[in-house]
Amino acid sequence: MTSTHRAVLRITCPDRPGIVSDVSGLLFKLGLNIHHADQHLDAEANLFFQRIEFPVPEGWERVRAELRRGLDAL
């Protein structure tokens, strides 16, 4: 059964190379499928902004906890 619920991950952090790769790799590792993603840089403030939308999988509570741990490690 396919989930009709969506989750939105919003990231704001200092800019650095590899953020998009690291975050998308983490989502892939957790079995999450990105349906939409936007990102941009505020060069003056050196801040990176990203918004990623994906379907909520079964076992979401476990996956969400793993996602938080993974993002904290990044």
Protein backbone atom coordinates (compact mmCIF):
# COMPACT_ATOMS: atom_id res chain seq x y z
CA MET A 1 0.00 0.00 0.00
CA THR A 2 1.39 3.40 -0.98
CA SER A 3 1.32 6.19 1.60
CA THR A 4 -0.68 9.29 0.76
CA HIS A 5 0.96 11.22 3.60
CA ARG A 6 3.99 13.36 2.88
CA ALA A 7 6.80 14.56 5.10
CA VAL A 8 8.75 17.74 4.51
CA LEU A 9 12.33 18.09 5.70
CA ARG A 10 13.61 21.65 5.98
CA ILE A 11 17.30 22.27 6.52
CA THR A 12 19.09 25.52 7.33
CA CYS A 13 22.80 25.39 8.03
CA PRO A 14 26.13 27.03 7.20
CA ASP A 15 27.04 26.31 3.59
CA ARG A 16 29.68 23.71 2.78
CA PRO A 17 30.40 21.38 -0.14
CA GLY A 18 28.53 18.07 -0.12
CA ILE A 19 25.35 18.96 1.80
CA VAL A 20 22.98 17.89 -1.00
CA SER A 21 24.91 14.65 -1.49
CA ASP A 22 25.06 13.87 2.22
CA VAL A 23 21.36 14.52 2.85
CA SER A 24 20.12 12.69 -0.25
CA GLY A 25 22.46 9.78 0.55
CA LEU A 26 21.03 9.55 4.07
CA LEU A 27 17.47 9.56 2.73
CA PHE A 28 18.40 6.83 0.25
CA LYS A 29 20.01 4.75 3.01
CA LEU A 30 16.77 5.01 5.00
CA GLY A 31 14.70 3.92 1.99
CA LEU A 32 13.04 7.31 1.53
CA ASN A 33 12.11 8.45 -1.97
CA ILE A 34 12.51 12.17 -2.68
CA HIS A 35 9.49 13.47 -4.61
CA HIS A 36 10.50 17.12 -4.62
CA ALA A 37 13.54 19.11 -3.52
CA ASP A 38 14.52 22.76 -3.61
CA GLN A 39 17.62 24.42 -2.28
CA HIS A 40 19.31 27.76 -2.37
CA LEU A 41 22.20 29.63 -0.82
CA ASP A 42 22.21 33.01 0.87
CA ALA A 43 25.80 33.82 -0.06
CA GLU A 44 25.88 36.98 2.01
CA ALA A 45 24.97 35.08 5.19
CA ASN A 46 26.73 31.86 4.02
CA LEU A 47 23.55 29.90 4.81
CA PHE A 48 22.25 26.91 2.88
CA PHE A 49 18.49 26.26 2.75
CA GLN A 50 16.90 23.03 1.55
CA ARG A 51 13.34 21.68 1.45
CA ILE A 52 12.76 18.01 0.62
CA GLU A 53 9.37 16.31 0.31
CA PHE A 54 8.96 12.54 0.48
CA PRO A 55 6.19 10.00 1.21
CA VAL A 56 5.88 8.81 4.80
CA PRO A 57 6.86 5.12 4.90
CA GLU A 58 5.51 2.37 7.12
CA GLY A 59 7.36 2.32 10.42
CA TRP A 60 7.71 6.10 10.28
CA GLU A 61 8.51 6.54 13.98
CA ARG A 62 11.61 4.33 13.66
CA VAL A 63 12.67 5.92 10.38
CA ARG A 64 12.16 9.43 11.75
CA ALA A 65 14.38 8.64 14.74
CA GLU A 66 17.09 7.29 12.42
CA LEU A 67 16.75 10.36 10.19
CA ARG A 68 17.24 12.68 13.16
CA ARG A 69 20.32 10.78 14.30
CA GLY A 70 21.75 10.81 10.79
CA LEU A 71 21.13 14.53 10.32
CA ASP A 72 22.70 15.30 13.69
CA ALA A 73 25.81 13.38 12.58
CA LEU A 74 26.03 15.42 9.36
